[in-house]
Amino acid sequence: MPASKRKWSAEVSRRSDALDLQSEVFKQGDPRRIARSLKRSAERSQRRKSSPYRSAMSMLSFYINRAGRNLPEERRSTLEAAKHSLRRLFHRR
């Protein structure tokens, strides 16, 4: 498969009206740190089109979905916990 077909999601992250994320934010081991970083990026970003909460949650979900079955269970649980932390940081249920 050509590289251009395989890397479409990285291009989306770089060029879309997405957030300007901290480098390797999704590789961190602490869900609260991931959530705080996403919140900070969402609140500072001038490129987002919706609310900071929605933008941060969308980017987190995009990363989880992009990894698909290749995401180890431990990483998936950390990222799912980051979703819960993100909801708490934005005072959502």
PDB file of N, CA and C in Angstrom:
ATOM      1  N   MET A   1       0.847  -1.182   0.000  1.00  0.00           N
ATOM      2  CA  MET A   1       0.000   0.000   0.000  1.00  0.00           C
ATOM      3  C   MET A   1       0.891   1.243   0.000  1.00  0.00           C
ATOM      4  N   PRO A   2       0.609   2.229  -0.847  1.00  0.00           N
ATOM      5  CA  PRO A   2       1.416   3.452  -0.892  1.00  0.00           C
ATOM      6  C   PRO A   2       1.381   4.201   0.440  1.00  0.00           C
ATOM      7  N   ALA A   3       2.478   4.863   0.735  1.00  0.00           N
ATOM      8  CA  ALA A   3       2.588   5.605   2.003  1.00  0.00           C
ATOM      9  C   ALA A   3       1.503   6.665   2.125  1.00  0.00           C
ATOM     10  N   SER A   4       1.119   7.289   1.027  1.00  0.00           N
ATOM     11  CA  SER A   4       0.104   8.340   1.089  1.00  0.00           C
ATOM     12  C   SER A   4      -1.240   7.802   1.566  1.00  0.00           C
ATOM     13  N   LYS A   5      -1.554   6.565   1.268  1.00  0.00           N
ATOM     14  CA  LYS A   5      -2.811   5.958   1.705  1.00  0.00           C
ATOM     15  C   LYS A   5      -2.758   5.590   3.185  1.00  0.00           C
ATOM     16  N   ARG A   6      -1.579   5.203   3.666  1.00  0.00           N
ATOM     17  CA  ARG A   6      -1.461   4.754   5.045  1.00  0.00           C
ATOM     18  C   ARG A   6      -1.363   5.902   6.040  1.00  0.00           C
ATOM     19  N   LYS A   7      -0.913   7.061   5.623  1.00  0.00           N
ATOM     20  CA  LYS A   7      -0.630   8.161   6.542  1.00  0.00           C
ATOM     21  C   LYS A   7      -1.686   9.264   6.516  1.00  0.00           C
ATOM     22  N   TRP A   8      -2.853   8.991   6.019  1.00  0.00           N
ATOM     23  CA  TRP A   8      -3.881  10.028   5.899  1.00  0.00           C
ATOM     24  C   TRP A   8      -4.237  10.633   7.250  1.00  0.00           C
ATOM     25  N   SER A   9      -4.249   9.818   8.314  1.00  0.00           N
ATOM     26  CA  SER A   9      -4.665  10.335   9.615  1.00  0.00           C
ATOM     27  C   SER A   9      -3.618  11.279  10.198  1.00  0.00           C
ATOM     28  N   ALA A  10      -2.352  11.029   9.947  1.00  0.00           N
ATOM     29  CA  ALA A  10      -1.313  11.955  10.411  1.00  0.00           C
ATOM     30  C   ALA A  10      -1.461  13.292   9.698  1.00  0.00           C
ATOM     31  N   GLU A  11      -1.815  13.253   8.433  1.00  0.00           N
ATOM     32  CA  GLU A  11      -2.038  14.484   7.671  1.00  0.00           C
ATOM     33  C   GLU A  11      -3.235  15.261   8.236  1.00  0.00           C
ATOM     34  N   VAL A  12      -4.271  14.546   8.637  1.00  0.00           N
ATOM     35  CA  VAL A  12      -5.436  15.181   9.249  1.00  0.00           C
ATOM     36  C   VAL A  12      -5.016  15.900  10.528  1.00  0.00           C
ATOM     37  N   SER A  13      -4.216  15.244  11.341  1.00  0.00           N
ATOM     38  CA  SER A  13      -3.768  15.844  12.595  1.00  0.00           C
ATOM     39  C   SER A  13      -2.941  17.108  12.365  1.00  0.00           C
ATOM     40  N   ARG A  14      -2.117  17.086  11.330  1.00  0.00           N
ATOM     41  CA  ARG A  14      -1.236  18.223  11.056  1.00  0.00           C
ATOM     42  C   ARG A  14      -1.938  19.395  10.381  1.00  0.00           C
ATOM     43  N   ARG A  15      -2.781  19.127   9.407  1.00  0.00           N
ATOM     44  CA  ARG A  15      -3.282  20.189   8.545  1.00  0.00           C
ATOM     45  C   ARG A  15      -4.734  20.595   8.764  1.00  0.00           C
ATOM     46  N   SER A  16      -5.489  19.825   9.473  1.00  0.00           N
ATOM     47  CA  SER A  16      -6.893  20.175   9.645  1.00  0.00           C
ATOM     48  C   SER A  16      -7.033  21.281  10.684  1.00  0.00           C
ATOM     49  N   ASP A  17      -8.258  21.719  10.879  1.00  0.00           N
ATOM     50  CA  ASP A  17      -8.511  22.693  11.942  1.00  0.00           C
ATOM     51  C   ASP A  17      -8.614  21.942  13.260  1.00  0.00           C
ATOM     52  N   ALA A  18      -7.532  21.299  13.579  1.00  0.00           N
ATOM     53  CA  ALA A  18      -7.447  20.514  14.800  1.00  0.00           C
ATOM     54  C   ALA A  18      -6.668  21.316  15.840  1.00  0.00           C
ATOM     55  N   LEU A  19      -6.315  20.678  16.904  1.00  0.00           N
ATOM     56  CA  LEU A  19      -5.581  21.347  17.975  1.00  0.00           C
ATOM     57  C   LEU A  19      -4.089  21.310  17.720  1.00  0.00           C
ATOM     58  N   ASP A  20      -3.378  22.274  18.274  1.00  0.00           N
ATOM     59  CA  ASP A  20      -1.927  22.251  18.291  1.00  0.00           C
ATOM     60  C   ASP A  20      -1.530  21.502  19.553  1.00  0.00           C
ATOM     61  N   LEU A  21      -1.192  20.220  19.388  1.00  0.00           N
ATOM     62  CA  LEU A  21      -0.955  19.354  20.537  1.00  0.00           C
ATOM     63  C   LEU A  21       0.497  19.374  20.991  1.00  0.00           C
ATOM     64  N   GLN A  22       0.679  19.109  22.282  1.00  0.00           N
ATOM     65  CA  GLN A  22       2.001  18.911  22.839  1.00  0.00           C
ATOM     66  C   GLN A  22       2.593  17.664  22.183  1.00  0.00           C
ATOM     67  N   SER A  23       3.866  17.666  21.954  1.00  0.00           N
ATOM     68  CA  SER A  23       4.527  16.531  21.318  1.00  0.00           C
ATOM     69  C   SER A  23       4.349  15.251  22.139  1.00  0.00           C
ATOM     70  N   GLU A  24       3.938  14.189  21.473  1.00  0.00           N
ATOM     71  CA  GLU A  24       3.769  12.855  22.060  1.00  0.00           C
ATOM     72  C   GLU A  24       2.829  12.837  23.272  1.00  0.00           C
ATOM     73  N   VAL A  25       1.815  13.655  23.250  1.00  0.00           N
ATOM     74  CA  VAL A  25       0.882  13.742  24.374  1.00  0.00           C
ATOM     75  C   VAL A  25       0.198  12.405  24.644  1.00  0.00           C
ATOM     76  N   PHE A  26      -0.102  11.648  23.601  1.00  0.00           N
ATOM     77  CA  PHE A  26      -0.838  10.398  23.789  1.00  0.00           C
ATOM     78  C   PHE A  26       0.049   9.256  24.261  1.00  0.00           C
ATOM     79  N   LYS A  27       1.346   9.468  24.315  1.00  0.00           N
ATOM     80  CA  LYS A  27       2.266   8.430  24.788  1.00  0.00           C
ATOM     81  C   LYS A  27       2.513   8.517  26.287  1.00  0.00           C
ATOM     82  N   GLN A  28       2.005   9.553  26.920  1.00  0.00           N
ATOM     83  CA  GLN A  28       2.187   9.704  28.365  1.00  0.00           C
ATOM     84  C   GLN A  28       1.437   8.607  29.096  1.00  0.00           C
ATOM     85  N   GLY A  29       1.914   8.239  30.260  1.00  0.00           N
ATOM     86  CA  GLY A  29       1.317   7.145  31.016  1.00  0.00           C
ATOM     87  C   GLY A  29       0.225   7.570  31.982  1.00  0.00           C
ATOM     88  N   ASP A  30       0.159   8.841  32.298  1.00  0.00           N
ATOM     89  CA  ASP A  30      -0.804   9.336  33.281  1.00  0.00           C
ATOM     90  C   ASP A  30      -2.013   9.948  32.566  1.00  0.00           C
ATOM     91  N   PRO A  31      -3.208   9.365  32.756  1.00  0.00           N
ATOM     92  CA  PRO A  31      -4.401   9.887  32.080  1.00  0.00           C
ATOM     93  C   PRO A  31      -4.709  11.343  32.433  1.00  0.00           C
ATOM     94  N   ARG A  32      -4.426  11.746  33.666  1.00  0.00           N
ATOM     95  CA  ARG A  32      -4.687  13.129  34.067  1.00  0.00           C
ATOM     96  C   ARG A  32      -3.778  14.104  33.324  1.00  0.00           C
ATOM     97  N   ARG A  33      -2.513  13.708  33.101  1.00  0.00           N
ATOM     98  CA  ARG A  33      -1.592  14.569  32.351  1.00  0.00           C
ATOM     99  C   ARG A  33      -2.044  14.707  30.906  1.00  0.00           C
ATOM    100  N   ILE A  34      -2.511  13.617  30.324  1.00  0.00           N
ATOM    101  CA  ILE A  34      -3.019  13.655  28.952  1.00  0.00           C
ATOM    102  C   ILE A  34      -4.206  14.613  28.881  1.00  0.00           C
ATOM    103  N   ALA A  35      -5.130  14.462  29.822  1.00  0.00           N
ATOM    104  CA  ALA A  35      -6.331  15.300  29.838  1.00  0.00           C
ATOM    105  C   ALA A  35      -5.986  16.776  30.044  1.00  0.00           C
ATOM    106  N   ARG A  36      -5.071  17.067  30.957  1.00  0.00           N
ATOM    107  CA  ARG A  36      -4.675  18.463  31.206  1.00  0.00           C
ATOM    108  C   ARG A  36      -4.015  19.072  29.975  1.00  0.00           C
ATOM    109  N   SER A  37      -3.184  18.282  29.311  1.00  0.00           N
ATOM    110  CA  SER A  37      -2.517  18.772  28.107  1.00  0.00           C
ATOM    111  C   SER A  37      -3.521  19.058  26.997  1.00  0.00           C
ATOM    112  N   LEU A  38      -4.486  18.153  26.810  1.00  0.00           N
ATOM    113  CA  LEU A  38      -5.523  18.369  25.799  1.00  0.00           C
ATOM    114  C   LEU A  38      -6.368  19.591  26.125  1.00  0.00           C
ATOM    115  N   LYS A  39      -6.701  19.756  27.385  1.00  0.00           N
ATOM    116  CA  LYS A  39      -7.496  20.913  27.799  1.00  0.00           C
ATOM    117  C   LYS A  39      -6.740  22.214  27.532  1.00  0.00           C
ATOM    118  N   ARG A  40      -5.475  22.229  27.909  1.00  0.00           N
ATOM    119  CA  ARG A  40      -4.649  23.410  27.694  1.00  0.00           C
ATOM    120  C   ARG A  40      -4.537  23.729  26.199  1.00  0.00           C
ATOM    121  N   SER A  41      -4.304  22.701  25.389  1.00  0.00           N
ATOM    122  CA  SER A  41      -4.200  22.896  23.933  1.00  0.00           C
ATOM    123  C   SER A  41      -5.506  23.402  23.345  1.00  0.00           C
ATOM    124  N   ALA A  42      -6.613  22.841  23.799  1.00  0.00           N
ATOM    125  CA  ALA A  42      -7.922  23.233  23.268  1.00  0.00           C
ATOM    126  C   ALA A  42      -8.267  24.675  23.628  1.00  0.00           C
ATOM    127  N   GLU A  43      -7.917  25.080  24.832  1.00  0.00           N
ATOM    128  CA  GLU A  43      -8.231  26.444  25.261  1.00  0.00           C
ATOM    129  C   GLU A  43      -7.339  27.478  24.575  1.00  0.00           C
ATOM    130  N   ARG A  44      -6.123  27.098  24.206  1.00  0.00           N
ATOM    131  CA  ARG A  44      -5.190  28.027  23.571  1.00  0.00           C
ATOM    132  C   ARG A  44      -5.317  28.069  22.054  1.00  0.00           C
ATOM    133  N   SER A  45      -5.868  27.021  21.472  1.00  0.00           N
ATOM    134  CA  SER A  45      -5.872  26.891  20.021  1.00  0.00           C
ATOM    135  C   SER A  45      -6.724  27.957  19.344  1.00  0.00           C
ATOM    136  N   GLN A  46      -6.181  28.489  18.270  1.00  0.00           N
ATOM    137  CA  GLN A  46      -6.920  29.438  17.442  1.00  0.00           C
ATOM    138  C   GLN A  46      -7.511  28.734  16.219  1.00  0.00           C
ATOM    139  N   ARG A  47      -7.206  27.436  16.055  1.00  0.00           N
ATOM    140  CA  ARG A  47      -7.634  26.712  14.864  1.00  0.00           C
ATOM    141  C   ARG A  47      -8.902  25.893  15.071  1.00  0.00           C
ATOM    142  N   ARG A  48      -9.369  25.788  16.284  1.00  0.00           N
ATOM    143  CA  ARG A  48     -10.531  24.924  16.512  1.00  0.00           C
ATOM    144  C   ARG A  48     -11.814  25.605  16.061  1.00  0.00           C
ATOM    145  N   LYS A  49     -12.789  24.775  15.693  1.00  0.00           N
ATOM    146  CA  LYS A  49     -14.054  25.305  15.206  1.00  0.00           C
ATOM    147  C   LYS A  49     -15.183  25.160  16.216  1.00  0.00           C
ATOM    148  N   SER A  50     -15.002  24.335  17.217  1.00  0.00           N
ATOM    149  CA  SER A  50     -16.060  24.145  18.213  1.00  0.00           C
ATOM    150  C   SER A  50     -15.516  24.482  19.599  1.00  0.00           C
ATOM    151  N   SER A  51     -16.251  24.095  20.630  1.00  0.00           N
ATOM    152  CA  SER A  51     -15.858  24.417  22.000  1.00  0.00           C
ATOM    153  C   SER A  51     -14.564  23.688  22.371  1.00  0.00           C
ATOM    154  N   PRO A  52     -13.831  24.204  23.361  1.00  0.00           N
ATOM    155  CA  PRO A  52     -12.598  23.535  23.781  1.00  0.00           C
ATOM    156  C   PRO A  52     -12.836  22.088  24.217  1.00  0.00           C
ATOM    157  N   TYR A  53     -13.905  21.855  24.961  1.00  0.00           N
ATOM    158  CA  TYR A  53     -14.204  20.491  25.417  1.00  0.00           C
ATOM    159  C   TYR A  53     -14.415  19.559  24.230  1.00  0.00           C
ATOM    160  N   ARG A  54     -15.226  19.991  23.319  1.00  0.00           N
ATOM    161  CA  ARG A  54     -15.554  19.146  22.165  1.00  0.00           C
ATOM    162  C   ARG A  54     -14.322  18.888  21.290  1.00  0.00           C
ATOM    163  N   SER A  55     -13.490  19.886  21.115  1.00  0.00           N
ATOM    164  CA  SER A  55     -12.275  19.729  20.324  1.00  0.00           C
ATOM    165  C   SER A  55     -11.305  18.755  20.986  1.00  0.00           C
ATOM    166  N   ALA A  56     -11.121  18.899  22.289  1.00  0.00           N
ATOM    167  CA  ALA A  56     -10.204  18.011  23.011  1.00  0.00           C
ATOM    168  C   ALA A  56     -10.708  16.574  22.988  1.00  0.00           C
ATOM    169  N   MET A  57     -11.989  16.382  23.235  1.00  0.00           N
ATOM    170  CA  MET A  57     -12.548  15.032  23.245  1.00  0.00           C
ATOM    171  C   MET A  57     -12.497  14.415  21.848  1.00  0.00           C
ATOM    172  N   SER A  58     -12.737  15.215  20.839  1.00  0.00           N
ATOM    173  CA  SER A  58     -12.675  14.718  19.461  1.00  0.00           C
ATOM    174  C   SER A  58     -11.268  14.256  19.104  1.00  0.00           C
ATOM    175  N   MET A  59     -10.270  15.016  19.515  1.00  0.00           N
ATOM    176  CA  MET A  59      -8.893  14.630  19.196  1.00  0.00           C
ATOM    177  C   MET A  59      -8.506  13.345  19.922  1.00  0.00           C
ATOM    178  N   LEU A  60      -8.934  13.200  21.143  1.00  0.00           N
ATOM    179  CA  LEU A  60      -8.649  11.976  21.895  1.00  0.00           C
ATOM    180  C   LEU A  60      -9.351  10.779  21.253  1.00  0.00           C
ATOM    181  N   SER A  61     -10.591  10.934  20.909  1.00  0.00           N
ATOM    182  CA  SER A  61     -11.333   9.847  20.252  1.00  0.00           C
ATOM    183  C   SER A  61     -10.737   9.524  18.886  1.00  0.00           C
ATOM    184  N   PHE A  62     -10.316  10.540  18.156  1.00  0.00           N
ATOM    185  CA  PHE A  62      -9.695  10.336  16.855  1.00  0.00           C
ATOM    186  C   PHE A  62      -8.441   9.477  16.996  1.00  0.00           C
ATOM    187  N   TYR A  63      -7.626   9.785  18.002  1.00  0.00           N
ATOM    188  CA  TYR A  63      -6.398   9.015  18.209  1.00  0.00           C
ATOM    189  C   TYR A  63      -6.715   7.561  18.556  1.00  0.00           C
ATOM    190  N   ILE A  64      -7.671   7.347  19.447  1.00  0.00           N
ATOM    191  CA  ILE A  64      -8.050   5.978  19.843  1.00  0.00           C
ATOM    192  C   ILE A  64      -8.578   5.212  18.633  1.00  0.00           C
ATOM    193  N   ASN A  65      -9.452   5.835  17.870  1.00  0.00           N
ATOM    194  CA  ASN A  65     -10.029   5.171  16.699  1.00  0.00           C
ATOM    195  C   ASN A  65      -8.994   4.938  15.612  1.00  0.00           C
ATOM    196  N   ARG A  66      -8.072   5.864  15.449  1.00  0.00           N
ATOM    197  CA  ARG A  66      -7.032   5.727  14.432  1.00  0.00           C
ATOM    198  C   ARG A  66      -6.142   4.532  14.727  1.00  0.00           C
ATOM    199  N   ALA A  67      -5.846   4.301  15.995  1.00  0.00           N
ATOM    200  CA  ALA A  67      -4.987   3.176  16.368  1.00  0.00           C
ATOM    201  C   ALA A  67      -5.701   1.845  16.166  1.00  0.00           C
ATOM    202  N   GLY A  68      -7.004   1.844  16.362  1.00  0.00           N
ATOM    203  CA  GLY A  68      -7.801   0.650  16.119  1.00  0.00           C
ATOM    204  C   GLY A  68      -7.359  -0.556  16.926  1.00  0.00           C
ATOM    205  N   ARG A  69      -7.289  -1.692  16.270  1.00  0.00           N
ATOM    206  CA  ARG A  69      -6.917  -2.946  16.942  1.00  0.00           C
ATOM    207  C   ARG A  69      -5.450  -3.010  17.313  1.00  0.00           C
ATOM    208  N   ASN A  70      -4.651  -2.137  16.742  1.00  0.00           N
ATOM    209  CA  ASN A  70      -3.211  -2.143  17.038  1.00  0.00           C
ATOM    210  C   ASN A  70      -2.886  -1.510  18.382  1.00  0.00           C
ATOM    211  N   LEU A  71      -3.860  -0.879  19.001  1.00  0.00           N
ATOM    212  CA  LEU A  71      -3.637  -0.227  20.287  1.00  0.00           C
ATOM    213  C   LEU A  71      -3.676  -1.279  21.396  1.00  0.00           C
ATOM    214  N   PRO A  72      -2.572  -1.437  22.143  1.00  0.00           N
ATOM    215  CA  PRO A  72      -2.571  -2.418  23.237  1.00  0.00           C
ATOM    216  C   PRO A  72      -3.634  -2.080  24.290  1.00  0.00           C
ATOM    217  N   GLU A  73      -4.141  -3.085  24.930  1.00  0.00           N
ATOM    218  CA  GLU A  73      -5.223  -2.903  25.916  1.00  0.00           C
ATOM    219  C   GLU A  73      -4.834  -1.931  27.029  1.00  0.00           C
ATOM    220  N   GLU A  74      -3.588  -1.985  27.463  1.00  0.00           N
ATOM    221  CA  GLU A  74      -3.125  -1.090  28.526  1.00  0.00           C
ATOM    222  C   GLU A  74      -3.184   0.375  28.075  1.00  0.00           C
ATOM    223  N   ARG A  75      -2.753   0.657  26.830  1.00  0.00           N
ATOM    224  CA  ARG A  75      -2.815   2.019  26.295  1.00  0.00           C
ATOM    225  C   ARG A  75      -4.254   2.466  26.128  1.00  0.00           C
ATOM    226  N   ARG A  76      -5.091   1.547  25.643  1.00  0.00           N
ATOM    227  CA  ARG A  76      -6.502   1.880  25.452  1.00  0.00           C
ATOM    228  C   ARG A  76      -7.148   2.258  26.790  1.00  0.00           C
ATOM    229  N   SER A  77      -6.859   1.495  27.836  1.00  0.00           N
ATOM    230  CA  SER A  77      -7.458   1.807  29.138  1.00  0.00           C
ATOM    231  C   SER A  77      -6.939   3.136  29.678  1.00  0.00           C
ATOM    232  N   THR A  78      -5.659   3.451  29.429  1.00  0.00           N
ATOM    233  CA  THR A  78      -5.114   4.746  29.847  1.00  0.00           C
ATOM    234  C   THR A  78      -5.815   5.884  29.123  1.00  0.00           C
ATOM    235  N   LEU A  79      -6.021   5.710  27.817  1.00  0.00           N
ATOM    236  CA  LEU A  79      -6.671   6.761  27.031  1.00  0.00           C
ATOM    237  C   LEU A  79      -8.157   6.894  27.360  1.00  0.00           C
ATOM    238  N   GLU A  80      -8.810   5.776  27.669  1.00  0.00           N
ATOM    239  CA  GLU A  80     -10.212   5.851  28.104  1.00  0.00           C
ATOM    240  C   GLU A  80     -10.308   6.562  29.451  1.00  0.00           C
ATOM    241  N   ALA A  81      -9.331   6.306  30.336  1.00  0.00           N
ATOM    242  CA  ALA A  81      -9.301   7.013  31.618  1.00  0.00           C
ATOM    243  C   ALA A  81      -9.059   8.508  31.399  1.00  0.00           C
ATOM    244  N   ALA A  82      -8.283   8.841  30.372  1.00  0.00           N
ATOM    245  CA  ALA A  82      -8.053  10.250  30.039  1.00  0.00           C
ATOM    246  C   ALA A  82      -9.352  10.928  29.617  1.00  0.00           C
ATOM    247  N   LYS A  83     -10.238  10.177  28.960  1.00  0.00           N
ATOM    248  CA  LYS A  83     -11.550  10.733  28.603  1.00  0.00           C
ATOM    249  C   LYS A  83     -12.325  11.116  29.861  1.00  0.00           C
ATOM    250  N   HIS A  84     -12.301  10.241  30.849  1.00  0.00           N
ATOM    251  CA  HIS A  84     -13.011  10.530  32.105  1.00  0.00           C
ATOM    252  C   HIS A  84     -12.384  11.745  32.807  1.00  0.00           C
ATOM    253  N   SER A  85     -11.059  11.820  32.797  1.00  0.00           N
ATOM    254  CA  SER A  85     -10.381  12.967  33.404  1.00  0.00           C
ATOM    255  C   SER A  85     -10.723  14.252  32.664  1.00  0.00           C
ATOM    256  N   LEU A  86     -10.803  14.173  31.359  1.00  0.00           N
ATOM    257  CA  LEU A  86     -11.148  15.340  30.548  1.00  0.00           C
ATOM    258  C   LEU A  86     -12.559  15.823  30.862  1.00  0.00           C
ATOM    259  N   ARG A  87     -13.482  14.887  31.022  1.00  0.00           N
ATOM    260  CA  ARG A  87     -14.854  15.269  31.401  1.00  0.00           C
ATOM    261  C   ARG A  87     -14.858  15.989  32.742  1.00  0.00           C
ATOM    262  N   ARG A  88     -14.090  15.476  33.698  1.00  0.00           N
ATOM    263  CA  ARG A  88     -14.027  16.112  35.011  1.00  0.00           C
ATOM    264  C   ARG A  88     -13.414  17.518  34.924  1.00  0.00           C
ATOM    265  N   LEU A  89     -12.353  17.658  34.134  1.00  0.00           N
ATOM    266  CA  LEU A  89     -11.700  18.962  34.011  1.00  0.00           C
ATOM    267  C   LEU A  89     -12.633  20.016  33.418  1.00  0.00           C
ATOM    268  N   PHE A  90     -13.504  19.588  32.539  1.00  0.00           N
ATOM    269  CA  PHE A  90     -14.470  20.513  31.914  1.00  0.00           C
ATOM    270  C   PHE A  90     -15.818  20.517  32.637  1.00  0.00           C
ATOM    271  N   HIS A  91     -15.880  19.859  33.784  1.00  0.00           N
ATOM    272  CA  HIS A  91     -17.092  19.811  34.610  1.00  0.00           C
ATOM    273  C   HIS A  91     -18.278  19.234  33.844  1.00  0.00           C
ATOM    274  N   ARG A  92     -18.025  18.130  33.157  1.00  0.00           N
ATOM    275  CA  ARG A  92     -19.073  17.414  32.422  1.00  0.00           C
ATOM    276  C   ARG A  92     -19.309  16.093  33.107  1.00  0.00           C
ATOM    277  N   ARG A  93     -20.434  15.472  32.807  1.00  0.00           N
ATOM    278  CA  ARG A  93     -20.755  14.183  33.425  1.00  0.00           C
ATOM    279  C   ARG A  93     -20.155  13.054  32.679  1.00  0.00           C
TER     280      ARG A  93
END
